Amino acid sequence: MKVCELDQYLKVDLEGALARFMGREDMYARFLYKLQQDETFQKLTEAVESQTLSEIERYAHTLKGVLGNLGLEEGYQTSSELVQAVREDHTEKIEPLYLVLKEQMQTYLNVIGMLEQPGQ
């Protein structure tokens, strides 16, 4: 699968994401691949399990930025809501939002795994 086909599998702002990567699909693809190795979501998982609010906010905020830059809109929205839930002390929303984000991240990683490697 090519980068230009991502929107067939994901809700993605491909035009906006490519603009942030100067129109270079190869560069955008490399950053998508980096998401597979990024440890931020694992750290968020650990923070949710330990119920460490400051860490939940930190890692959800980091993911919000990463997913936003990659144009992965649903994950961006969910991580944004998670940050807001922590900041507004709506702790009852943290677990449900985390579970939605977990499913979204798994979908992202699966789809990214189907992308052609740069140079192929």
PDB file of N, CA and C in Angstrom:
ATOM      1  N   MET A   1       0.841  -1.173   0.000  1.00  0.00           N
ATOM      2  CA  MET A   1       0.000   0.000   0.000  1.00  0.00           C
ATOM      3  C   MET A   1       0.889   1.239   0.000  1.00  0.00           C
ATOM      4  N   LYS A   2       0.432   2.249  -0.697  1.00  0.00           N
ATOM      5  CA  LYS A   2       1.162   3.509  -0.781  1.00  0.00           C
ATOM      6  C   LYS A   2       0.552   4.531   0.179  1.00  0.00           C
ATOM      7  N   VAL A   3       1.350   5.525   0.527  1.00  0.00           N
ATOM      8  CA  VAL A   3       0.896   6.577   1.435  1.00  0.00           C
ATOM      9  C   VAL A   3      -0.389   7.212   0.930  1.00  0.00           C
ATOM     10  N   CYS A   4      -0.487   7.435  -0.350  1.00  0.00           N
ATOM     11  CA  CYS A   4      -1.669   8.097  -0.912  1.00  0.00           C
ATOM     12  C   CYS A   4      -2.947   7.270  -0.742  1.00  0.00           C
ATOM     13  N   GLU A   5      -2.819   6.011  -0.328  1.00  0.00           N
ATOM     14  CA  GLU A   5      -3.973   5.138  -0.110  1.00  0.00           C
ATOM     15  C   GLU A   5      -4.378   5.032   1.364  1.00  0.00           C
ATOM     16  N   LEU A   6      -3.674   5.717   2.234  1.00  0.00           N
ATOM     17  CA  LEU A   6      -3.958   5.636   3.672  1.00  0.00           C
ATOM     18  C   LEU A   6      -5.402   5.974   4.009  1.00  0.00           C
ATOM     19  N   ASP A   7      -5.948   6.975   3.308  1.00  0.00           N
ATOM     20  CA  ASP A   7      -7.301   7.413   3.637  1.00  0.00           C
ATOM     21  C   ASP A   7      -8.365   6.380   3.290  1.00  0.00           C
ATOM     22  N   GLN A   8      -7.973   5.298   2.626  1.00  0.00           N
ATOM     23  CA  GLN A   8      -8.902   4.200   2.384  1.00  0.00           C
ATOM     24  C   GLN A   8      -9.040   3.321   3.626  1.00  0.00           C
ATOM     25  N   TYR A   9      -8.091   3.439   4.552  1.00  0.00           N
ATOM     26  CA  TYR A   9      -8.052   2.597   5.739  1.00  0.00           C
ATOM     27  C   TYR A   9      -8.226   3.365   7.045  1.00  0.00           C
ATOM     28  N   LEU A  10      -7.886   4.647   7.030  1.00  0.00           N
ATOM     29  CA  LEU A  10      -7.893   5.460   8.238  1.00  0.00           C
ATOM     30  C   LEU A  10      -8.544   6.802   7.973  1.00  0.00           C
ATOM     31  N   LYS A  11      -9.070   7.402   9.041  1.00  0.00           N
ATOM     32  CA  LYS A  11      -9.473   8.800   8.944  1.00  0.00           C
ATOM     33  C   LYS A  11      -8.202   9.602   9.157  1.00  0.00           C
ATOM     34  N   VAL A  12      -7.683  10.132   8.062  1.00  0.00           N
ATOM     35  CA  VAL A  12      -6.395  10.815   8.096  1.00  0.00           C
ATOM     36  C   VAL A  12      -6.482  12.101   7.284  1.00  0.00           C
ATOM     37  N   ASP A  13      -5.900  13.156   7.826  1.00  0.00           N
ATOM     38  CA  ASP A  13      -5.777  14.406   7.083  1.00  0.00           C
ATOM     39  C   ASP A  13      -4.487  14.306   6.279  1.00  0.00           C
ATOM     40  N   LEU A  14      -4.563  13.580   5.187  1.00  0.00           N
ATOM     41  CA  LEU A  14      -3.381  13.307   4.372  1.00  0.00           C
ATOM     42  C   LEU A  14      -2.821  14.585   3.755  1.00  0.00           C
ATOM     43  N   GLU A  15      -3.693  15.441   3.291  1.00  0.00           N
ATOM     44  CA  GLU A  15      -3.246  16.697   2.678  1.00  0.00           C
ATOM     45  C   GLU A  15      -2.493  17.561   3.694  1.00  0.00           C
ATOM     46  N   GLY A  16      -3.065  17.700   4.884  1.00  0.00           N
ATOM     47  CA  GLY A  16      -2.424  18.499   5.926  1.00  0.00           C
ATOM     48  C   GLY A  16      -1.119  17.883   6.393  1.00  0.00           C
ATOM     49  N   ALA A  17      -1.117  16.570   6.561  1.00  0.00           N
ATOM     50  CA  ALA A  17       0.098  15.883   7.010  1.00  0.00           C
ATOM     51  C   ALA A  17       1.203  16.032   5.973  1.00  0.00           C
ATOM     52  N   LEU A  18       0.873  15.818   4.720  1.00  0.00           N
ATOM     53  CA  LEU A  18       1.890  15.941   3.671  1.00  0.00           C
ATOM     54  C   LEU A  18       2.410  17.375   3.574  1.00  0.00           C
ATOM     55  N   ALA A  19       1.541  18.344   3.820  1.00  0.00           N
ATOM     56  CA  ALA A  19       2.001  19.743   3.814  1.00  0.00           C
ATOM     57  C   ALA A  19       3.042  19.965   4.914  1.00  0.00           C
ATOM     58  N   ARG A  20       2.828  19.340   6.083  1.00  0.00           N
ATOM     59  CA  ARG A  20       3.790  19.471   7.181  1.00  0.00           C
ATOM     60  C   ARG A  20       5.118  18.782   6.855  1.00  0.00           C
ATOM     61  N   PHE A  21       5.063  17.827   5.929  1.00  0.00           N
ATOM     62  CA  PHE A  21       6.272  17.109   5.509  1.00  0.00           C
ATOM     63  C   PHE A  21       6.733  17.563   4.124  1.00  0.00           C
ATOM     64  N   MET A  22       6.411  18.811   3.791  1.00  0.00           N
ATOM     65  CA  MET A  22       6.845  19.457   2.554  1.00  0.00           C
ATOM     66  C   MET A  22       6.459  18.662   1.304  1.00  0.00           C
ATOM     67  N   GLY A  23       5.332  17.965   1.382  1.00  0.00           N
ATOM     68  CA  GLY A  23       4.842  17.204   0.244  1.00  0.00           C
ATOM     69  C   GLY A  23       5.600  15.917  -0.023  1.00  0.00           C
ATOM     70  N   ARG A  24       6.508  15.567   0.847  1.00  0.00           N
ATOM     71  CA  ARG A  24       7.363  14.385   0.619  1.00  0.00           C
ATOM     72  C   ARG A  24       6.751  13.144   1.259  1.00  0.00           C
ATOM     73  N   GLU A  25       6.166  12.313   0.421  1.00  0.00           N
ATOM     74  CA  GLU A  25       5.549  11.081   0.909  1.00  0.00           C
ATOM     75  C   GLU A  25       6.578  10.165   1.570  1.00  0.00           C
ATOM     76  N   ASP A  26       7.809  10.145   1.046  1.00  0.00           N
ATOM     77  CA  ASP A  26       8.831   9.278   1.631  1.00  0.00           C
ATOM     78  C   ASP A  26       9.158   9.704   3.058  1.00  0.00           C
ATOM     79  N   MET A  27       9.242  11.015   3.302  1.00  0.00           N
ATOM     80  CA  MET A  27       9.533  11.508   4.644  1.00  0.00           C
ATOM     81  C   MET A  27       8.363  11.216   5.584  1.00  0.00           C
ATOM     82  N   TYR A  28       7.154  11.443   5.095  1.00  0.00           N
ATOM     83  CA  TYR A  28       5.957  11.161   5.881  1.00  0.00           C
ATOM     84  C   TYR A  28       5.911   9.682   6.246  1.00  0.00           C
ATOM     85  N   ALA A  29       6.192   8.817   5.294  1.00  0.00           N
ATOM     86  CA  ALA A  29       6.192   7.374   5.548  1.00  0.00           C
ATOM     87  C   ALA A  29       7.223   7.003   6.613  1.00  0.00           C
ATOM     88  N   ARG A  30       8.396   7.617   6.563  1.00  0.00           N
ATOM     89  CA  ARG A  30       9.426   7.326   7.570  1.00  0.00           C
ATOM     90  C   ARG A  30       8.935   7.683   8.972  1.00  0.00           C
ATOM     91  N   PHE A  31       8.233   8.810   9.096  1.00  0.00           N
ATOM     92  CA  PHE A  31       7.722   9.200  10.405  1.00  0.00           C
ATOM     93  C   PHE A  31       6.575   8.298  10.844  1.00  0.00           C
ATOM     94  N   LEU A  32       5.778   7.832   9.899  1.00  0.00           N
ATOM     95  CA  LEU A  32       4.750   6.850  10.251  1.00  0.00           C
ATOM     96  C   LEU A  32       5.401   5.582  10.788  1.00  0.00           C
ATOM     97  N   TYR A  33       6.461   5.119  10.131  1.00  0.00           N
ATOM     98  CA  TYR A  33       7.171   3.929  10.599  1.00  0.00           C
ATOM     99  C   TYR A  33       7.739   4.126  11.997  1.00  0.00           C
ATOM    100  N   LYS A  34       8.189   5.340  12.284  1.00  0.00           N
ATOM    101  CA  LYS A  34       8.750   5.621  13.611  1.00  0.00           C
ATOM    102  C   LYS A  34       7.694   5.460  14.709  1.00  0.00           C
ATOM    103  N   LEU A  35       6.432   5.649  14.347  1.00  0.00           N
ATOM    104  CA  LEU A  35       5.363   5.464  15.323  1.00  0.00           C
ATOM    105  C   LEU A  35       5.356   4.026  15.840  1.00  0.00           C
ATOM    106  N   GLN A  36       5.748   3.085  15.001  1.00  0.00           N
ATOM    107  CA  GLN A  36       5.788   1.675  15.414  1.00  0.00           C
ATOM    108  C   GLN A  36       6.804   1.430  16.527  1.00  0.00           C
ATOM    109  N   GLN A  37       7.851   2.229  16.579  1.00  0.00           N
ATOM    110  CA  GLN A  37       8.895   2.032  17.575  1.00  0.00           C
ATOM    111  C   GLN A  37       8.803   3.022  18.733  1.00  0.00           C
ATOM    112  N   ASP A  38       7.905   3.978  18.628  1.00  0.00           N
ATOM    113  CA  ASP A  38       7.769   5.001  19.659  1.00  0.00           C
ATOM    114  C   ASP A  38       7.234   4.367  20.950  1.00  0.00           C
ATOM    115  N   GLU A  39       7.822   4.722  22.060  1.00  0.00           N
ATOM    116  CA  GLU A  39       7.456   4.134  23.346  1.00  0.00           C
ATOM    117  C   GLU A  39       6.433   4.960  24.121  1.00  0.00           C
ATOM    118  N   THR A  40       5.968   6.049  23.544  1.00  0.00           N
ATOM    119  CA  THR A  40       5.066   6.938  24.272  1.00  0.00           C
ATOM    120  C   THR A  40       3.777   6.239  24.679  1.00  0.00           C
ATOM    121  N   PHE A  41       3.196   5.455  23.780  1.00  0.00           N
ATOM    122  CA  PHE A  41       1.948   4.789  24.135  1.00  0.00           C
ATOM    123  C   PHE A  41       2.173   3.754  25.234  1.00  0.00           C
ATOM    124  N   GLN A  42       3.289   3.051  25.191  1.00  0.00           N
ATOM    125  CA  GLN A  42       3.596   2.090  26.263  1.00  0.00           C
ATOM    126  C   GLN A  42       3.735   2.808  27.603  1.00  0.00           C
ATOM    127  N   LYS A  43       4.378   3.968  27.582  1.00  0.00           N
ATOM    128  CA  LYS A  43       4.525   4.752  28.816  1.00  0.00           C
ATOM    129  C   LYS A  43       3.167   5.273  29.297  1.00  0.00           C
ATOM    130  N   LEU A  44       2.298   5.623  28.357  1.00  0.00           N
ATOM    131  CA  LEU A  44       0.945   6.030  28.724  1.00  0.00           C
ATOM    132  C   LEU A  44       0.213   4.862  29.379  1.00  0.00           C
ATOM    133  N   THR A  45       0.367   3.682  28.812  1.00  0.00           N
ATOM    134  CA  THR A  45      -0.265   2.482  29.377  1.00  0.00           C
ATOM    135  C   THR A  45       0.184   2.275  30.823  1.00  0.00           C
ATOM    136  N   GLU A  46       1.476   2.380  31.050  1.00  0.00           N
ATOM    137  CA  GLU A  46       2.009   2.214  32.406  1.00  0.00           C
ATOM    138  C   GLU A  46       1.461   3.283  33.345  1.00  0.00           C
ATOM    139  N   ALA A  47       1.353   4.505  32.857  1.00  0.00           N
ATOM    140  CA  ALA A  47       0.821   5.596  33.679  1.00  0.00           C
ATOM    141  C   ALA A  47      -0.647   5.364  34.018  1.00  0.00           C
ATOM    142  N   VAL A  48      -1.423   4.868  33.053  1.00  0.00           N
ATOM    143  CA  VAL A  48      -2.837   4.575  33.311  1.00  0.00           C
ATOM    144  C   VAL A  48      -2.946   3.442  34.325  1.00  0.00           C
ATOM    145  N   GLU A  49      -2.130   2.415  34.158  1.00  0.00           N
ATOM    146  CA  GLU A  49      -2.173   1.286  35.098  1.00  0.00           C
ATOM    147  C   GLU A  49      -1.812   1.713  36.513  1.00  0.00           C
ATOM    148  N   SER A  50      -0.861   2.631  36.651  1.00  0.00           N
ATOM    149  CA  SER A  50      -0.456   3.107  37.987  1.00  0.00           C
ATOM    150  C   SER A  50      -1.272   4.309  38.453  1.00  0.00           C
ATOM    151  N   GLN A  51      -2.150   4.789  37.586  1.00  0.00           N
ATOM    152  CA  GLN A  51      -3.023   5.930  37.859  1.00  0.00           C
ATOM    153  C   GLN A  51      -2.234   7.187  38.256  1.00  0.00           C
ATOM    154  N   THR A  52      -1.125   7.397  37.559  1.00  0.00           N
ATOM    155  CA  THR A  52      -0.287   8.569  37.798  1.00  0.00           C
ATOM    156  C   THR A  52      -0.743   9.682  36.855  1.00  0.00           C
ATOM    157  N   LEU A  53      -1.557  10.571  37.372  1.00  0.00           N
ATOM    158  CA  LEU A  53      -2.206  11.579  36.538  1.00  0.00           C
ATOM    159  C   LEU A  53      -1.227  12.473  35.789  1.00  0.00           C
ATOM    160  N   SER A  54      -0.166  12.891  36.444  1.00  0.00           N
ATOM    161  CA  SER A  54       0.787  13.780  35.769  1.00  0.00           C
ATOM    162  C   SER A  54       1.442  13.084  34.578  1.00  0.00           C
ATOM    163  N   GLU A  55       1.708  11.804  34.723  1.00  0.00           N
ATOM    164  CA  GLU A  55       2.310  11.045  33.627  1.00  0.00           C
ATOM    165  C   GLU A  55       1.286  10.752  32.532  1.00  0.00           C
ATOM    166  N   ILE A  56       0.058  10.504  32.914  1.00  0.00           N
ATOM    167  CA  ILE A  56      -1.003  10.305  31.916  1.00  0.00           C
ATOM    168  C   ILE A  56      -1.123  11.564  31.062  1.00  0.00           C
ATOM    169  N   GLU A  57      -1.161  12.706  31.726  1.00  0.00           N
ATOM    170  CA  GLU A  57      -1.264  13.968  30.993  1.00  0.00           C
ATOM    171  C   GLU A  57      -0.057  14.155  30.075  1.00  0.00           C
ATOM    172  N   ARG A  58       1.120  13.905  30.591  1.00  0.00           N
ATOM    173  CA  ARG A  58       2.359  14.097  29.820  1.00  0.00           C
ATOM    174  C   ARG A  58       2.381  13.237  28.560  1.00  0.00           C
ATOM    175  N   TYR A  59       2.119  11.945  28.714  1.00  0.00           N
ATOM    176  CA  TYR A  59       2.221  11.050  27.560  1.00  0.00           C
ATOM    177  C   TYR A  59       1.041  11.205  26.606  1.00  0.00           C
ATOM    178  N   ALA A  60      -0.144  11.495  27.131  1.00  0.00           N
ATOM    179  CA  ALA A  60      -1.292  11.751  26.246  1.00  0.00           C
ATOM    180  C   ALA A  60      -1.046  13.025  25.444  1.00  0.00           C
ATOM    181  N   HIS A  61      -0.445  14.033  26.073  1.00  0.00           N
ATOM    182  CA  HIS A  61      -0.138  15.280  25.382  1.00  0.00           C
ATOM    183  C   HIS A  61       0.913  15.049  24.296  1.00  0.00           C
ATOM    184  N   THR A  62       1.912  14.246  24.591  1.00  0.00           N
ATOM    185  CA  THR A  62       2.932  13.916  23.589  1.00  0.00           C
ATOM    186  C   THR A  62       2.301  13.199  22.403  1.00  0.00           C
ATOM    187  N   LEU A  63       1.453  12.210  22.690  1.00  0.00           N
ATOM    188  CA  LEU A  63       0.775  11.488  21.600  1.00  0.00           C
ATOM    189  C   LEU A  63      -0.109  12.402  20.786  1.00  0.00           C
ATOM    190  N   LYS A  64      -0.771  13.327  21.456  1.00  0.00           N
ATOM    191  CA  LYS A  64      -1.624  14.287  20.747  1.00  0.00           C
ATOM    192  C   LYS A  64      -0.816  15.026  19.690  1.00  0.00           C
ATOM    193  N   GLY A  65       0.363  15.477  20.056  1.00  0.00           N
ATOM    194  CA  GLY A  65       1.219  16.184  19.105  1.00  0.00           C
ATOM    195  C   GLY A  65       1.698  15.299  17.970  1.00  0.00           C
ATOM    196  N   VAL A  66       2.128  14.108  18.312  1.00  0.00           N
ATOM    197  CA  VAL A  66       2.624  13.176  17.290  1.00  0.00           C
ATOM    198  C   VAL A  66       1.511  12.810  16.315  1.00  0.00           C
ATOM    199  N   LEU A  67       0.372  12.401  16.857  1.00  0.00           N
ATOM    200  CA  LEU A  67      -0.741  11.981  16.003  1.00  0.00           C
ATOM    201  C   LEU A  67      -1.289  13.143  15.192  1.00  0.00           C
ATOM    202  N   GLY A  68      -1.305  14.325  15.775  1.00  0.00           N
ATOM    203  CA  GLY A  68      -1.757  15.511  15.043  1.00  0.00           C
ATOM    204  C   GLY A  68      -0.846  15.816  13.873  1.00  0.00           C
ATOM    205  N   ASN A  69       0.460  15.767  14.102  1.00  0.00           N
ATOM    206  CA  ASN A  69       1.414  16.031  13.013  1.00  0.00           C
ATOM    207  C   ASN A  69       1.313  14.990  11.906  1.00  0.00           C
ATOM    208  N   LEU A  70       0.964  13.775  12.271  1.00  0.00           N
ATOM    209  CA  LEU A  70       0.827  12.711  11.270  1.00  0.00           C
ATOM    210  C   LEU A  70      -0.555  12.720  10.608  1.00  0.00           C
ATOM    211  N   GLY A  71      -1.432  13.603  11.057  1.00  0.00           N
ATOM    212  CA  GLY A  71      -2.765  13.705  10.458  1.00  0.00           C
ATOM    213  C   GLY A  71      -3.705  12.593  10.879  1.00  0.00           C
ATOM    214  N   LEU A  72      -3.373  11.875  11.943  1.00  0.00           N
ATOM    215  CA  LEU A  72      -4.203  10.763  12.427  1.00  0.00           C
ATOM    216  C   LEU A  72      -5.260  11.349  13.365  1.00  0.00           C
ATOM    217  N   GLU A  73      -6.340  11.795  12.748  1.00  0.00           N
ATOM    218  CA  GLU A  73      -7.317  12.660  13.392  1.00  0.00           C
ATOM    219  C   GLU A  73      -8.036  12.054  14.591  1.00  0.00           C
ATOM    220  N   GLU A  74      -8.469  10.808  14.473  1.00  0.00           N
ATOM    221  CA  GLU A  74      -9.227  10.225  15.576  1.00  0.00           C
ATOM    222  C   GLU A  74      -8.353  10.054  16.814  1.00  0.00           C
ATOM    223  N   GLY A  75      -7.131   9.592  16.626  1.00  0.00           N
ATOM    224  CA  GLY A  75      -6.212   9.445  17.753  1.00  0.00           C
ATOM    225  C   GLY A  75      -5.857  10.789  18.351  1.00  0.00           C
ATOM    226  N   TYR A  76      -5.702  11.779  17.487  1.00  0.00           N
ATOM    227  CA  TYR A  76      -5.440  13.141  17.957  1.00  0.00           C
ATOM    228  C   TYR A  76      -6.586  13.603  18.844  1.00  0.00           C
ATOM    229  N   GLN A  77      -7.810  13.409  18.386  1.00  0.00           N
ATOM    230  CA  GLN A  77      -8.984  13.849  19.137  1.00  0.00           C
ATOM    231  C   GLN A  77      -9.082  13.114  20.474  1.00  0.00           C
ATOM    232  N   THR A  78      -8.886  11.810  20.456  1.00  0.00           N
ATOM    233  CA  THR A  78      -9.003  11.028  21.686  1.00  0.00           C
ATOM    234  C   THR A  78      -7.918  11.412  22.685  1.00  0.00           C
ATOM    235  N   SER A  79      -6.687  11.559  22.216  1.00  0.00           N
ATOM    236  CA  SER A  79      -5.610  11.940  23.138  1.00  0.00           C
ATOM    237  C   SER A  79      -5.840  13.351  23.678  1.00  0.00           C
ATOM    238  N   SER A  80      -6.425  14.213  22.865  1.00  0.00           N
ATOM    239  CA  SER A  80      -6.765  15.564  23.301  1.00  0.00           C
ATOM    240  C   SER A  80      -7.812  15.510  24.419  1.00  0.00           C
ATOM    241  N   GLU A  81      -8.810  14.676  24.239  1.00  0.00           N
ATOM    242  CA  GLU A  81      -9.850  14.510  25.264  1.00  0.00           C
ATOM    243  C   GLU A  81      -9.271  13.899  26.535  1.00  0.00           C
ATOM    244  N   LEU A  82      -8.307  13.010  26.388  1.00  0.00           N
ATOM    245  CA  LEU A  82      -7.663  12.399  27.546  1.00  0.00           C
ATOM    246  C   LEU A  82      -6.883  13.444  28.347  1.00  0.00           C
ATOM    247  N   VAL A  83      -6.148  14.294  27.643  1.00  0.00           N
ATOM    248  CA  VAL A  83      -5.428  15.385  28.315  1.00  0.00           C
ATOM    249  C   VAL A  83      -6.425  16.267  29.060  1.00  0.00           C
ATOM    250  N   GLN A  84      -7.502  16.618  28.400  1.00  0.00           N
ATOM    251  CA  GLN A  84      -8.510  17.483  29.002  1.00  0.00           C
ATOM    252  C   GLN A  84      -9.138  16.821  30.228  1.00  0.00           C
ATOM    253  N   ALA A  85      -9.406  15.517  30.150  1.00  0.00           N
ATOM    254  CA  ALA A  85     -10.004  14.804  31.285  1.00  0.00           C
ATOM    255  C   ALA A  85      -9.094  14.880  32.506  1.00  0.00           C
ATOM    256  N   VAL A  86      -7.800  14.720  32.300  1.00  0.00           N
ATOM    257  CA  VAL A  86      -6.857  14.817  33.422  1.00  0.00           C
ATOM    258  C   VAL A  86      -6.829  16.241  33.964  1.00  0.00           C
ATOM    259  N   ARG A  87      -6.723  17.206  33.089  1.00  0.00           N
ATOM    260  CA  ARG A  87      -6.619  18.606  33.517  1.00  0.00           C
ATOM    261  C   ARG A  87      -7.860  19.086  34.256  1.00  0.00           C
ATOM    262  N   GLU A  88      -9.007  18.528  33.882  1.00  0.00           N
ATOM    263  CA  GLU A  88     -10.262  18.936  34.524  1.00  0.00           C
ATOM    264  C   GLU A  88     -10.673  17.984  35.639  1.00  0.00           C
ATOM    265  N   ASP A  89      -9.790  17.067  35.995  1.00  0.00           N
ATOM    266  CA  ASP A  89     -10.001  16.116  37.084  1.00  0.00           C
ATOM    267  C   ASP A  89     -11.240  15.241  36.873  1.00  0.00           C
ATOM    268  N   HIS A  90     -11.477  14.854  35.613  1.00  0.00           N
ATOM    269  CA  HIS A  90     -12.551  13.908  35.294  1.00  0.00           C
ATOM    270  C   HIS A  90     -11.936  12.518  35.183  1.00  0.00           C
ATOM    271  N   THR A  91     -11.476  12.022  36.336  1.00  0.00           N
ATOM    272  CA  THR A  91     -10.737  10.761  36.332  1.00  0.00           C
ATOM    273  C   THR A  91     -11.578   9.575  35.849  1.00  0.00           C
ATOM    274  N   GLU A  92     -12.896   9.678  35.952  1.00  0.00           N
ATOM    275  CA  GLU A  92     -13.760   8.589  35.487  1.00  0.00           C
ATOM    276  C   GLU A  92     -13.708   8.434  33.956  1.00  0.00           C
ATOM    277  N   LYS A  93     -13.244   9.450  33.254  1.00  0.00           N
ATOM    278  CA  LYS A  93     -13.161   9.395  31.788  1.00  0.00           C
ATOM    279  C   LYS A  93     -11.838   8.809  31.293  1.00  0.00           C
ATOM    280  N   ILE A  94     -10.852   8.720  32.168  1.00  0.00           N
ATOM    281  CA  ILE A  94      -9.509   8.324  31.735  1.00  0.00           C
ATOM    282  C   ILE A  94      -9.487   6.915  31.150  1.00  0.00           C
ATOM    283  N   GLU A  95      -9.992   5.951  31.869  1.00  0.00           N
ATOM    284  CA  GLU A  95      -9.953   4.552  31.407  1.00  0.00           C
ATOM    285  C   GLU A  95     -10.704   4.362  30.089  1.00  0.00           C
ATOM    286  N   PRO A  96     -11.947   4.852  29.974  1.00  0.00           N
ATOM    287  CA  PRO A  96     -12.649   4.678  28.692  1.00  0.00           C
ATOM    288  C   PRO A  96     -11.926   5.350  27.520  1.00  0.00           C
ATOM    289  N   LEU A  97     -11.403   6.546  27.736  1.00  0.00           N
ATOM    290  CA  LEU A  97     -10.673   7.228  26.656  1.00  0.00           C
ATOM    291  C   LEU A  97      -9.393   6.485  26.312  1.00  0.00           C
ATOM    292  N   TYR A  98      -8.710   5.991  27.330  1.00  0.00           N
ATOM    293  CA  TYR A  98      -7.492   5.208  27.095  1.00  0.00           C
ATOM    294  C   TYR A  98      -7.812   3.977  26.244  1.00  0.00           C
ATOM    295  N   LEU A  99      -8.890   3.289  26.547  1.00  0.00           N
ATOM    296  CA  LEU A  99      -9.245   2.075  25.793  1.00  0.00           C
ATOM    297  C   LEU A  99      -9.563   2.393  24.333  1.00  0.00           C
ATOM    298  N   VAL A 100     -10.213   3.514  24.092  1.00  0.00           N
ATOM    299  CA  VAL A 100     -10.476   3.938  22.713  1.00  0.00           C
ATOM    300  C   VAL A 100      -9.150   4.234  22.009  1.00  0.00           C
ATOM    301  N   LEU A 101      -8.271   4.970  22.686  1.00  0.00           N
ATOM    302  CA  LEU A 101      -6.969   5.304  22.108  1.00  0.00           C
ATOM    303  C   LEU A 101      -6.140   4.050  21.847  1.00  0.00           C
ATOM    304  N   LYS A 102      -6.228   3.095  22.724  1.00  0.00           N
ATOM    305  CA  LYS A 102      -5.498   1.829  22.548  1.00  0.00           C
ATOM    306  C   LYS A 102      -5.947   1.134  21.259  1.00  0.00           C
ATOM    307  N   GLU A 103      -7.235   1.091  21.038  1.00  0.00           N
ATOM    308  CA  GLU A 103      -7.771   0.477  19.810  1.00  0.00           C
ATOM    309  C   GLU A 103      -7.332   1.267  18.579  1.00  0.00           C
ATOM    310  N   GLN A 104      -7.366   2.583  18.667  1.00  0.00           N
ATOM    311  CA  GLN A 104      -6.941   3.418  17.545  1.00  0.00           C
ATOM    312  C   GLN A 104      -5.457   3.200  17.239  1.00  0.00           C
ATOM    313  N   MET A 105      -4.646   3.150  18.273  1.00  0.00           N
ATOM    314  CA  MET A 105      -3.209   2.940  18.070  1.00  0.00           C
ATOM    315  C   MET A 105      -2.945   1.590  17.412  1.00  0.00           C
ATOM    316  N   GLN A 106      -3.666   0.565  17.833  1.00  0.00           N
ATOM    317  CA  GLN A 106      -3.477  -0.754  17.227  1.00  0.00           C
ATOM    318  C   GLN A 106      -3.850  -0.724  15.745  1.00  0.00           C
ATOM    319  N   THR A 107      -4.924  -0.032  15.424  1.00  0.00           N
ATOM    320  CA  THR A 107      -5.317   0.115  14.021  1.00  0.00           C
ATOM    321  C   THR A 107      -4.233   0.851  13.242  1.00  0.00           C
ATOM    322  N   TYR A 108      -3.724   1.951  13.810  1.00  0.00           N
ATOM    323  CA  TYR A 108      -2.661   2.701  13.135  1.00  0.00           C
ATOM    324  C   TYR A 108      -1.450   1.815  12.866  1.00  0.00           C
ATOM    325  N   LEU A 109      -1.031   1.079  13.866  1.00  0.00           N
ATOM    326  CA  LEU A 109       0.162   0.242  13.711  1.00  0.00           C
ATOM    327  C   LEU A 109      -0.069  -0.861  12.675  1.00  0.00           C
ATOM    328  N   ASN A 110      -1.258  -1.428  12.656  1.00  0.00           N
ATOM    329  CA  ASN A 110      -1.575  -2.455  11.652  1.00  0.00           C
ATOM    330  C   ASN A 110      -1.537  -1.888  10.239  1.00  0.00           C
ATOM    331  N   VAL A 111      -2.145  -0.725  10.056  1.00  0.00           N
ATOM    332  CA  VAL A 111      -2.185  -0.110   8.731  1.00  0.00           C
ATOM    333  C   VAL A 111      -0.784   0.334   8.308  1.00  0.00           C
ATOM    334  N   ILE A 112      -0.041   0.939   9.219  1.00  0.00           N
ATOM    335  CA  ILE A 112       1.326   1.367   8.897  1.00  0.00           C
ATOM    336  C   ILE A 112       2.163   0.163   8.482  1.00  0.00           C
ATOM    337  N   GLY A 113       1.916  -0.966   9.091  1.00  0.00           N
ATOM    338  CA  GLY A 113       2.619  -2.189   8.723  1.00  0.00           C
ATOM    339  C   GLY A 113       2.350  -2.637   7.296  1.00  0.00           C
ATOM    340  N   MET A 114       1.255  -2.169   6.711  1.00  0.00           N
ATOM    341  CA  MET A 114       0.920  -2.540   5.329  1.00  0.00           C
ATOM    342  C   MET A 114       1.545  -1.593   4.307  1.00  0.00           C
ATOM    343  N   LEU A 115       2.103  -0.483   4.778  1.00  0.00           N
ATOM    344  CA  LEU A 115       2.715   0.483   3.849  1.00  0.00           C
ATOM    345  C   LEU A 115       3.956  -0.096   3.197  1.00  0.00           C
ATOM    346  N   GLU A 116       4.169   0.302   1.953  1.00  0.00           N
ATOM    347  CA  GLU A 116       5.415  -0.061   1.271  1.00  0.00           C
ATOM    348  C   GLU A 116       6.581   0.617   1.972  1.00  0.00           C
ATOM    349  N   GLN A 117       7.657  -0.103   2.144  1.00  0.00           N
ATOM    350  CA  GLN A 117       8.858   0.473   2.722  1.00  0.00           C
ATOM    351  C   GLN A 117       9.416   1.507   1.740  1.00  0.00           C
ATOM    352  N   PRO A 118       9.933   2.635   2.243  1.00  0.00           N
ATOM    353  CA  PRO A 118      10.531   3.611   1.332  1.00  0.00           C
ATOM    354  C   PRO A 118      11.613   2.949   0.487  1.00  0.00           C
ATOM    355  N   GLY A 119      11.643   3.297  -0.784  1.00  0.00           N
ATOM    356  CA  GLY A 119      12.637   2.744  -1.695  1.00  0.00           C
ATOM    357  C   GLY A 119      12.212   1.454  -2.371  1.00  0.00           C
ATOM    358  N   GLN A 120      10.989   0.976  -2.083  1.00  0.00           N
ATOM    359  CA  GLN A 120      10.524  -0.247  -2.737  1.00  0.00           C
ATOM    360  C   GLN A 120       9.717   0.072  -3.977  1.00  0.00           C
TER     361      GLN A 120
END
